[in-house]
Amino acid sequence: MLQTILAPNPSPLTGPGTNTFLIGRDQVAVIDPGPDMPSHRDAILSAGAGRISHIFVTHAHLDHSEGAAALAQATGAPVLAFGDASSGRSVAMQRLGEATGGGEGRDLAFRPDLLLRDEDEVTSDEWTLRAIHTPGHMGGHLAFLWDQTLFCGDLVLGWSSTLISPPDGDLLDYFRSLDRIELLSPTRLLPAHGDPVEAPATRLAELRAHRQDRTAQILHALQDGPADAAALAQRLYHVPAALMPAAARSVLAHLIALSELGATTATTLPAPETPFSLR
């Protein structure tokens, strides 16, 4: 049994809101309890009918994890996740995080009761969920495989590309996670925002091509000389002004990845205002 409850937190980055998923009847698993909103929590408790046994969190962004503590207190169910908001970062992102702090929307108070690692399985009499470590959007991001359905959190969205914002997001990790999902060959993806993805392989190819095209645009723009992420975003993105900072963080993710691969260089620690040049 699968139920989906939509949190009332629509925005340009969350789409229609956060999808909270419930599976099972007598032992109900909740995946991504969403923001700490009493109305949303009440809807989850009503759908769970007093039988919520586990609370799974894909990653420690507020729109996914903030409601976990109150839901755990109301049900007595443990919260399971990879770790806190800084867990799972690559070496490059650890360095950047130490210098600049974290990214936007992190749930700094989030502390899971039980830690999950890649390939860990949690089983009840009704369901089995396998944790798949899928960093990229966030270092501690998990997806959960349920038979041939993958609850993919924010790694794959059907209506938009995923925000990759350093130091939480890492573009090279993102590509590796797309490859990992492709190898799993799920028949359906259930993102935390928006509708199900019924053709996973097609969507994965689209997302990979989108990032590769953006990388090519950035490399072409840098042929005119050094530029920082904010300036490149102004050239390459056509979005409302309110979304331009997110666009700059996305460009920064590309620049850092290119630097790791030896294609670009920066004279100081990468940041949105740091000039990058072709190597």
C-alpha atoms as a PDB file:
ATOM      1  CA  MET A   1       0.000   0.000   0.000  1.00  0.00           C
ATOM      2  CA  LEU A   2       1.380   3.391  -1.038  1.00  0.00           C
ATOM      3  CA  GLN A   3       0.008   6.781  -0.051  1.00  0.00           C
ATOM      4  CA  THR A   4       1.265  10.225  -1.048  1.00  0.00           C
ATOM      5  CA  ILE A   5       0.584  13.323   1.038  1.00  0.00           C
ATOM      6  CA  LEU A   6       1.515  16.687  -0.425  1.00  0.00           C
ATOM      7  CA  ALA A   7       2.868  19.257   2.028  1.00  0.00           C
ATOM      8  CA  PRO A   8       1.489  22.799   1.544  1.00  0.00           C
ATOM      9  CA  ASN A   9       4.909  24.328   0.861  1.00  0.00           C
ATOM     10  CA  PRO A  10       4.917  25.207  -2.861  1.00  0.00           C
ATOM     11  CA  SER A  11       7.757  27.377  -4.162  1.00  0.00           C
ATOM     12  CA  PRO A  12       9.953  27.792  -7.246  1.00  0.00           C
ATOM     13  CA  LEU A  13      12.378  25.222  -5.769  1.00  0.00           C
ATOM     14  CA  THR A  14       9.855  22.745  -4.307  1.00  0.00           C
ATOM     15  CA  GLY A  15       7.336  22.845  -7.149  1.00  0.00           C
ATOM     16  CA  PRO A  16       3.863  21.963  -5.826  1.00  0.00           C
ATOM     17  CA  GLY A  17       5.348  21.044  -2.423  1.00  0.00           C
ATOM     18  CA  THR A  18       7.071  18.136  -0.710  1.00  0.00           C
ATOM     19  CA  ASN A  19       5.715  14.639  -1.303  1.00  0.00           C
ATOM     20  CA  THR A  20       5.547  12.583   1.884  1.00  0.00           C
ATOM     21  CA  PHE A  21       5.209   8.882   1.082  1.00  0.00           C
ATOM     22  CA  LEU A  22       3.700   6.195   3.312  1.00  0.00           C
ATOM     23  CA  ILE A  23       4.010   2.481   2.609  1.00  0.00           C
ATOM     24  CA  GLY A  24       2.447  -0.425   4.498  1.00  0.00           C
ATOM     25  CA  ARG A  25      -0.752  -0.973   6.460  1.00  0.00           C
ATOM     26  CA  ASP A  26       0.075  -2.336   9.923  1.00  0.00           C
ATOM     27  CA  GLN A  27       3.707  -1.203   9.984  1.00  0.00           C
ATOM     28  CA  VAL A  28       3.787   2.076   8.128  1.00  0.00           C
ATOM     29  CA  ALA A  29       7.027   3.604   6.854  1.00  0.00           C
ATOM     30  CA  VAL A  30       7.057   7.355   6.267  1.00  0.00           C
ATOM     31  CA  ILE A  31       9.529   8.691   3.706  1.00  0.00           C
ATOM     32  CA  ASP A  32      10.349  12.414   3.986  1.00  0.00           C
ATOM     33  CA  PRO A  33       8.039  13.857   6.654  1.00  0.00           C
ATOM     34  CA  GLY A  34       8.571  17.272   5.096  1.00  0.00           C
ATOM     35  CA  PRO A  35       8.480  20.676   6.780  1.00  0.00           C
ATOM     36  CA  ASP A  36       7.396  21.131  10.391  1.00  0.00           C
ATOM     37  CA  MET A  37       3.826  22.177   9.648  1.00  0.00           C
ATOM     38  CA  PRO A  38       1.083  21.009  12.048  1.00  0.00           C
ATOM     39  CA  SER A  39      -1.468  20.574   9.269  1.00  0.00           C
ATOM     40  CA  HIS A  40       0.894  18.358   7.309  1.00  0.00           C
ATOM     41  CA  ARG A  41       1.837  16.341  10.372  1.00  0.00           C
ATOM     42  CA  ASP A  42      -1.842  15.817  11.183  1.00  0.00           C
ATOM     43  CA  ALA A  43      -2.419  14.545   7.644  1.00  0.00           C
ATOM     44  CA  ILE A  44       0.464  12.067   8.004  1.00  0.00           C
ATOM     45  CA  LEU A  45      -0.815  10.852  11.377  1.00  0.00           C
ATOM     46  CA  SER A  46      -4.304  10.403   9.986  1.00  0.00           C
ATOM     47  CA  ALA A  47      -3.051   8.443   6.991  1.00  0.00           C
ATOM     48  CA  GLY A  48      -0.797   6.339   9.214  1.00  0.00           C
ATOM     49  CA  ALA A  49      -3.745   5.431  11.428  1.00  0.00           C
ATOM     50  CA  GLY A  50      -1.558   5.040  14.503  1.00  0.00           C
ATOM     51  CA  ARG A  51       0.674   2.433  12.858  1.00  0.00           C
ATOM     52  CA  ILE A  52       3.735   4.471  11.856  1.00  0.00           C
ATOM     53  CA  SER A  53       6.778   2.349  12.725  1.00  0.00           C
ATOM     54  CA  HIS A  54       9.659   4.037  10.835  1.00  0.00           C
ATOM     55  CA  ILE A  55      10.467   7.535   9.586  1.00  0.00           C
ATOM     56  CA  PHE A  56      12.959   7.692   6.695  1.00  0.00           C
ATOM     57  CA  VAL A  57      14.579  10.941   5.550  1.00  0.00           C
ATOM     58  CA  THR A  58      16.301  11.274   2.177  1.00  0.00           C
ATOM     59  CA  HIS A  59      18.395  14.274   3.248  1.00  0.00           C
ATOM     60  CA  ALA A  60      18.633  17.065   5.790  1.00  0.00           C
ATOM     61  CA  HIS A  61      17.044  19.970   3.976  1.00  0.00           C
ATOM     62  CA  LEU A  62      14.259  21.682   5.892  1.00  0.00           C
ATOM     63  CA  ASP A  63      11.567  20.845   3.354  1.00  0.00           C
ATOM     64  CA  HIS A  64      12.307  17.127   3.870  1.00  0.00           C
ATOM     65  CA  SER A  65      13.518  16.632   7.433  1.00  0.00           C
ATOM     66  CA  GLU A  66      12.229  19.459   9.593  1.00  0.00           C
ATOM     67  CA  GLY A  67       9.023  17.625  10.507  1.00  0.00           C
ATOM     68  CA  ALA A  68      10.806  14.419  11.523  1.00  0.00           C
ATOM     69  CA  ALA A  69      11.358  15.215  15.210  1.00  0.00           C
ATOM     70  CA  ALA A  70       7.742  16.150  15.953  1.00  0.00           C
ATOM     71  CA  LEU A  71       6.444  13.150  14.009  1.00  0.00           C
ATOM     72  CA  ALA A  72       8.800  10.850  15.922  1.00  0.00           C
ATOM     73  CA  GLN A  73       7.631  12.319  19.202  1.00  0.00           C
ATOM     74  CA  ALA A  74       3.991  11.786  18.220  1.00  0.00           C
ATOM     75  CA  THR A  75       4.478   8.166  17.086  1.00  0.00           C
ATOM     76  CA  GLY A  76       7.513   6.814  18.926  1.00  0.00           C
ATOM     77  CA  ALA A  77       8.973   5.761  15.562  1.00  0.00           C
ATOM     78  CA  PRO A  78      12.741   6.115  15.003  1.00  0.00           C
ATOM     79  CA  VAL A  79      14.139   8.501  12.401  1.00  0.00           C
ATOM     80  CA  LEU A  80      16.522   6.876   9.910  1.00  0.00           C
ATOM     81  CA  ALA A  81      18.879   8.768   7.595  1.00  0.00           C
ATOM     82  CA  PHE A  82      22.471   8.931   6.391  1.00  0.00           C
ATOM     83  CA  GLY A  83      23.439  11.594   8.905  1.00  0.00           C
ATOM     84  CA  ASP A  84      23.200  15.278   9.730  1.00  0.00           C
ATOM     85  CA  ALA A  85      23.237  18.198   7.326  1.00  0.00           C
ATOM     86  CA  SER A  86      27.014  18.064   6.774  1.00  0.00           C
ATOM     87  CA  SER A  87      27.410  14.318   6.366  1.00  0.00           C
ATOM     88  CA  GLY A  88      28.683  12.656   3.215  1.00  0.00           C
ATOM     89  CA  ARG A  89      30.466  15.642   1.699  1.00  0.00           C
ATOM     90  CA  SER A  90      33.313  15.037  -0.713  1.00  0.00           C
ATOM     91  CA  VAL A  91      36.796  16.232   0.251  1.00  0.00           C
ATOM     92  CA  ALA A  92      36.453  19.291  -1.985  1.00  0.00           C
ATOM     93  CA  MET A  93      33.119  20.230  -0.443  1.00  0.00           C
ATOM     94  CA  GLN A  94      34.421  19.664   3.078  1.00  0.00           C
ATOM     95  CA  ARG A  95      37.150  22.229   2.387  1.00  0.00           C
ATOM     96  CA  LEU A  96      34.658  24.676   0.923  1.00  0.00           C
ATOM     97  CA  GLY A  97      32.242  24.155   3.808  1.00  0.00           C
ATOM     98  CA  GLU A  98      34.942  24.805   6.403  1.00  0.00           C
ATOM     99  CA  ALA A  99      35.687  28.145   4.752  1.00  0.00           C
ATOM    100  CA  THR A 100      32.203  29.307   3.815  1.00  0.00           C
ATOM    101  CA  GLY A 101      29.749  27.366   5.998  1.00  0.00           C
ATOM    102  CA  GLY A 102      26.810  25.467   4.608  1.00  0.00           C
ATOM    103  CA  GLY A 103      24.391  26.031   1.825  1.00  0.00           C
ATOM    104  CA  GLU A 104      20.807  27.231   1.824  1.00  0.00           C
ATOM    105  CA  GLY A 105      17.945  25.409   3.490  1.00  0.00           C
ATOM    106  CA  ARG A 106      20.000  23.050   5.667  1.00  0.00           C
ATOM    107  CA  ASP A 107      18.276  21.559   8.701  1.00  0.00           C
ATOM    108  CA  LEU A 108      21.019  22.197  11.243  1.00  0.00           C
ATOM    109  CA  ALA A 109      18.988  20.665  14.070  1.00  0.00           C
ATOM    110  CA  PHE A 110      18.445  17.344  12.306  1.00  0.00           C
ATOM    111  CA  ARG A 111      19.822  14.299  14.113  1.00  0.00           C
ATOM    112  CA  PRO A 112      18.611  10.835  13.032  1.00  0.00           C
ATOM    113  CA  ASP A 113      18.089   8.114  15.609  1.00  0.00           C
ATOM    114  CA  LEU A 114      19.580   5.443  13.366  1.00  0.00           C
ATOM    115  CA  LEU A 115      22.222   5.860  10.669  1.00  0.00           C
ATOM    116  CA  LEU A 116      21.878   4.145   7.308  1.00  0.00           C
ATOM    117  CA  ARG A 117      24.706   3.371   4.934  1.00  0.00           C
ATOM    118  CA  ASP A 118      24.728   2.376   1.296  1.00  0.00           C
ATOM    119  CA  GLU A 119      22.908  -0.928   0.686  1.00  0.00           C
ATOM    120  CA  ASP A 120      21.503  -1.153   4.224  1.00  0.00           C
ATOM    121  CA  GLU A 121      18.085  -2.803   4.252  1.00  0.00           C
ATOM    122  CA  VAL A 122      15.223  -2.181   6.665  1.00  0.00           C
ATOM    123  CA  THR A 123      12.482  -4.807   6.634  1.00  0.00           C
ATOM    124  CA  SER A 124       9.031  -5.238   8.131  1.00  0.00           C
ATOM    125  CA  ASP A 125       6.473  -7.966   7.540  1.00  0.00           C
ATOM    126  CA  GLU A 126       5.062  -5.858   4.700  1.00  0.00           C
ATOM    127  CA  TRP A 127       7.955  -4.088   3.012  1.00  0.00           C
ATOM    128  CA  THR A 128      11.702  -3.890   2.528  1.00  0.00           C
ATOM    129  CA  LEU A 129      13.496  -0.625   1.816  1.00  0.00           C
ATOM    130  CA  ARG A 130      17.099  -0.598   0.597  1.00  0.00           C
ATOM    131  CA  ALA A 131      19.097   2.558   1.202  1.00  0.00           C
ATOM    132  CA  ILE A 132      21.085   3.792  -1.799  1.00  0.00           C
ATOM    133  CA  HIS A 133      23.633   6.530  -1.114  1.00  0.00           C
ATOM    134  CA  THR A 134      23.091   9.067  -3.891  1.00  0.00           C
ATOM    135  CA  PRO A 135      25.066  12.262  -3.165  1.00  0.00           C
ATOM    136  CA  GLY A 136      24.989  15.142  -5.589  1.00  0.00           C
ATOM    137  CA  HIS A 137      22.153  17.357  -4.418  1.00  0.00           C
ATOM    138  CA  MET A 138      23.448  16.833  -0.869  1.00  0.00           C
ATOM    139  CA  GLY A 139      26.318  14.755   0.476  1.00  0.00           C
ATOM    140  CA  GLY A 140      24.145  12.648   2.772  1.00  0.00           C
ATOM    141  CA  HIS A 141      21.355  12.091   0.243  1.00  0.00           C
ATOM    142  CA  LEU A 142      19.725   8.660   0.229  1.00  0.00           C
ATOM    143  CA  ALA A 143      17.285   7.079  -2.188  1.00  0.00           C
ATOM    144  CA  PHE A 144      15.174   4.128  -1.086  1.00  0.00           C
ATOM    145  CA  LEU A 145      14.498   1.134  -3.322  1.00  0.00           C
ATOM    146  CA  TRP A 146      11.167  -0.622  -2.786  1.00  0.00           C
ATOM    147  CA  ASP A 147      10.875  -3.547  -5.188  1.00  0.00           C
ATOM    148  CA  GLN A 148      11.340  -1.813  -8.556  1.00  0.00           C
ATOM    149  CA  THR A 149      10.269   1.631  -7.347  1.00  0.00           C
ATOM    150  CA  LEU A 150      12.889   4.132  -6.209  1.00  0.00           C
ATOM    151  CA  PHE A 151      12.015   6.948  -3.832  1.00  0.00           C
ATOM    152  CA  CYS A 152      14.650   9.314  -5.197  1.00  0.00           C
ATOM    153  CA  GLY A 153      14.283  12.416  -3.016  1.00  0.00           C
ATOM    154  CA  ASP A 154      15.653  15.472  -4.815  1.00  0.00           C
ATOM    155  CA  LEU A 155      18.185  13.678  -6.985  1.00  0.00           C
ATOM    156  CA  VAL A 156      15.780  13.334  -9.934  1.00  0.00           C
ATOM    157  CA  LEU A 157      12.785  15.567 -10.593  1.00  0.00           C
ATOM    158  CA  GLY A 158      10.434  15.234 -13.505  1.00  0.00           C
ATOM    159  CA  TRP A 159       9.572  18.930 -13.847  1.00  0.00           C
ATOM    160  CA  SER A 160      12.942  20.580 -13.261  1.00  0.00           C
ATOM    161  CA  SER A 161      16.642  19.944 -12.948  1.00  0.00           C
ATOM    162  CA  THR A 162      17.959  19.437  -9.417  1.00  0.00           C
ATOM    163  CA  LEU A 163      19.626  22.319  -7.618  1.00  0.00           C
ATOM    164  CA  ILE A 164      23.288  21.547  -6.980  1.00  0.00           C
ATOM    165  CA  SER A 165      24.574  24.165  -4.570  1.00  0.00           C
ATOM    166  CA  PRO A 166      28.088  23.806  -3.121  1.00  0.00           C
ATOM    167  CA  PRO A 167      29.190  22.891  -0.502  1.00  0.00           C
ATOM    168  CA  ASP A 168      26.101  20.700  -0.061  1.00  0.00           C
ATOM    169  CA  GLY A 169      25.846  19.800  -3.724  1.00  0.00           C
ATOM    170  CA  ASP A 170      28.631  18.255  -5.812  1.00  0.00           C
ATOM    171  CA  LEU A 171      28.264  17.905  -9.575  1.00  0.00           C
ATOM    172  CA  LEU A 172      30.724  15.022  -9.941  1.00  0.00           C
ATOM    173  CA  ASP A 173      28.873  13.115  -7.214  1.00  0.00           C
ATOM    174  CA  TYR A 174      25.614  13.919  -8.997  1.00  0.00           C
ATOM    175  CA  PHE A 175      26.799  12.317 -12.235  1.00  0.00           C
ATOM    176  CA  ARG A 176      27.978   9.250 -10.323  1.00  0.00           C
ATOM    177  CA  SER A 177      24.601   8.982  -8.610  1.00  0.00           C
ATOM    178  CA  LEU A 178      22.755   9.190 -11.926  1.00  0.00           C
ATOM    179  CA  ASP A 179      24.930   6.325 -13.152  1.00  0.00           C
ATOM    180  CA  ARG A 180      24.168   4.376  -9.993  1.00  0.00           C
ATOM    181  CA  ILE A 181      20.431   4.734 -10.464  1.00  0.00           C
ATOM    182  CA  GLU A 182      20.728   3.709 -14.094  1.00  0.00           C
ATOM    183  CA  LEU A 183      22.462   0.488 -13.039  1.00  0.00           C
ATOM    184  CA  LEU A 184      19.650  -0.264 -10.582  1.00  0.00           C
ATOM    185  CA  SER A 185      17.140  -0.098 -13.471  1.00  0.00           C
ATOM    186  CA  PRO A 186      14.073   0.921 -11.452  1.00  0.00           C
ATOM    187  CA  THR A 187      10.800   0.894 -13.346  1.00  0.00           C
ATOM    188  CA  ARG A 188       9.498   4.023 -11.622  1.00  0.00           C
ATOM    189  CA  LEU A 189      10.975   6.970  -9.738  1.00  0.00           C
ATOM    190  CA  LEU A 190       9.032   8.780  -7.024  1.00  0.00           C
ATOM    191  CA  PRO A 191      10.628  12.216  -6.501  1.00  0.00           C
ATOM    192  CA  ALA A 192      10.039  14.262  -3.374  1.00  0.00           C
ATOM    193  CA  HIS A 193       8.623  17.061  -5.523  1.00  0.00           C
ATOM    194  CA  GLY A 194       6.295  16.660  -8.479  1.00  0.00           C
ATOM    195  CA  ASP A 195       4.820  13.691 -10.290  1.00  0.00           C
ATOM    196  CA  PRO A 196       6.225  10.169 -10.626  1.00  0.00           C
ATOM    197  CA  VAL A 197       8.799   9.565 -13.342  1.00  0.00           C
ATOM    198  CA  GLU A 198       7.487   6.627 -15.346  1.00  0.00           C
ATOM    199  CA  ALA A 199      10.380   6.417 -17.830  1.00  0.00           C
ATOM    200  CA  PRO A 200      13.474   6.587 -15.601  1.00  0.00           C
ATOM    201  CA  ALA A 201      16.094   5.833 -18.263  1.00  0.00           C
ATOM    202  CA  THR A 202      14.799   8.595 -20.522  1.00  0.00           C
ATOM    203  CA  ARG A 203      14.721  11.123 -17.708  1.00  0.00           C
ATOM    204  CA  LEU A 204      18.213  10.221 -16.506  1.00  0.00           C
ATOM    205  CA  ALA A 205      19.544  10.727 -20.037  1.00  0.00           C
ATOM    206  CA  GLU A 206      17.805  14.116 -20.252  1.00  0.00           C
ATOM    207  CA  LEU A 207      19.280  15.292 -16.961  1.00  0.00           C
ATOM    208  CA  ARG A 208      22.764  14.101 -17.867  1.00  0.00           C
ATOM    209  CA  ALA A 209      22.574  15.868 -21.248  1.00  0.00           C
ATOM    210  CA  HIS A 210      21.301  19.058 -19.621  1.00  0.00           C
ATOM    211  CA  ARG A 211      24.314  19.237 -17.298  1.00  0.00           C
ATOM    212  CA  GLN A 212      26.721  18.417 -20.111  1.00  0.00           C
ATOM    213  CA  ASP A 213      25.224  21.202 -22.247  1.00  0.00           C
ATOM    214  CA  ARG A 214      25.561  23.663 -19.378  1.00  0.00           C
ATOM    215  CA  THR A 215      29.184  22.649 -18.896  1.00  0.00           C
ATOM    216  CA  ALA A 216      29.863  23.269 -22.579  1.00  0.00           C
ATOM    217  CA  GLN A 217      28.237  26.715 -22.333  1.00  0.00           C
ATOM    218  CA  ILE A 218      30.419  27.621 -19.350  1.00  0.00           C
ATOM    219  CA  LEU A 219      33.605  26.498 -21.071  1.00  0.00           C
ATOM    220  CA  HIS A 220      32.649  28.501 -24.174  1.00  0.00           C
ATOM    221  CA  ALA A 221      31.956  31.612 -22.079  1.00  0.00           C
ATOM    222  CA  LEU A 222      35.318  31.328 -20.314  1.00  0.00           C
ATOM    223  CA  GLN A 223      37.052  31.605 -23.687  1.00  0.00           C
ATOM    224  CA  ASP A 224      36.326  35.343 -23.397  1.00  0.00           C
ATOM    225  CA  GLY A 225      38.388  35.499 -20.200  1.00  0.00           C
ATOM    226  CA  PRO A 226      38.079  34.833 -16.470  1.00  0.00           C
ATOM    227  CA  ALA A 227      34.640  35.190 -14.925  1.00  0.00           C
ATOM    228  CA  ASP A 228      32.919  34.345 -11.673  1.00  0.00           C
ATOM    229  CA  ALA A 229      29.840  32.195 -11.190  1.00  0.00           C
ATOM    230  CA  ALA A 230      27.506  35.136 -10.674  1.00  0.00           C
ATOM    231  CA  ALA A 231      28.580  36.821 -13.909  1.00  0.00           C
ATOM    232  CA  LEU A 232      28.354  33.577 -15.864  1.00  0.00           C
ATOM    233  CA  ALA A 233      24.860  32.931 -14.482  1.00  0.00           C
ATOM    234  CA  GLN A 234      23.749  36.343 -15.732  1.00  0.00           C
ATOM    235  CA  ARG A 235      24.974  35.405 -19.211  1.00  0.00           C
ATOM    236  CA  LEU A 236      23.644  31.860 -19.344  1.00  0.00           C
ATOM    237  CA  TYR A 237      20.396  31.827 -17.358  1.00  0.00           C
ATOM    238  CA  HIS A 238      17.106  33.509 -18.181  1.00  0.00           C
ATOM    239  CA  VAL A 239      15.277  33.271 -14.872  1.00  0.00           C
ATOM    240  CA  PRO A 240      13.566  35.740 -12.513  1.00  0.00           C
ATOM    241  CA  ALA A 241      15.916  37.817 -10.383  1.00  0.00           C
ATOM    242  CA  ALA A 242      14.849  35.933  -7.256  1.00  0.00           C
ATOM    243  CA  LEU A 243      16.267  32.718  -8.735  1.00  0.00           C
ATOM    244  CA  MET A 244      19.551  34.190  -9.950  1.00  0.00           C
ATOM    245  CA  PRO A 245      21.459  33.381  -6.701  1.00  0.00           C
ATOM    246  CA  ALA A 246      20.469  29.719  -7.116  1.00  0.00           C
ATOM    247  CA  ALA A 247      21.612  29.874 -10.738  1.00  0.00           C
ATOM    248  CA  ALA A 248      24.970  31.249  -9.613  1.00  0.00           C
ATOM    249  CA  ARG A 249      25.360  28.387  -7.109  1.00  0.00           C
ATOM    250  CA  SER A 250      24.619  25.922  -9.917  1.00  0.00           C
ATOM    251  CA  VAL A 251      27.267  27.515 -12.143  1.00  0.00           C
ATOM    252  CA  LEU A 252      29.694  27.354  -9.219  1.00  0.00           C
ATOM    253  CA  ALA A 253      29.060  23.609  -8.982  1.00  0.00           C
ATOM    254  CA  HIS A 254      30.062  23.268 -12.639  1.00  0.00           C
ATOM    255  CA  LEU A 255      33.162  25.406 -12.161  1.00  0.00           C
ATOM    256  CA  ILE A 256      34.289  23.385  -9.153  1.00  0.00           C
ATOM    257  CA  ALA A 257      33.754  20.132 -11.042  1.00  0.00           C
ATOM    258  CA  LEU A 258      35.741  21.466 -13.986  1.00  0.00           C
ATOM    259  CA  SER A 259      38.494  22.519 -11.600  1.00  0.00           C
ATOM    260  CA  GLU A 260      38.581  19.030 -10.078  1.00  0.00           C
ATOM    261  CA  LEU A 261      38.928  17.636 -13.604  1.00  0.00           C
ATOM    262  CA  GLY A 262      41.735  20.059 -14.445  1.00  0.00           C
ATOM    263  CA  ALA A 263      39.836  22.174 -16.985  1.00  0.00           C
ATOM    264  CA  THR A 264      39.538  25.403 -14.968  1.00  0.00           C
ATOM    265  CA  THR A 265      41.479  27.106 -12.223  1.00  0.00           C
ATOM    266  CA  ALA A 266      40.814  29.727  -9.548  1.00  0.00           C
ATOM    267  CA  THR A 267      43.337  31.777  -7.581  1.00  0.00           C
ATOM    268  CA  THR A 268      41.339  31.608  -4.332  1.00  0.00           C
ATOM    269  CA  LEU A 269      38.932  29.195  -2.673  1.00  0.00           C
ATOM    270  CA  PRO A 270      35.876  28.789  -4.925  1.00  0.00           C
ATOM    271  CA  ALA A 271      32.903  31.019  -4.113  1.00  0.00           C
ATOM    272  CA  PRO A 272      30.215  32.701  -6.278  1.00  0.00           C
ATOM    273  CA  GLU A 273      32.447  35.802  -6.609  1.00  0.00           C
ATOM    274  CA  THR A 274      35.690  33.880  -7.318  1.00  0.00           C
ATOM    275  CA  PRO A 275      36.982  34.336 -10.896  1.00  0.00           C
ATOM    276  CA  PHE A 276      37.698  31.122 -12.772  1.00  0.00           C
ATOM    277  CA  SER A 277      39.714  30.812 -15.936  1.00  0.00           C
ATOM    278  CA  LEU A 278      40.475  28.068 -18.405  1.00  0.00           C
ATOM    279  CA  ARG A 279      43.557  26.099 -17.519  1.00  0.00           C
END
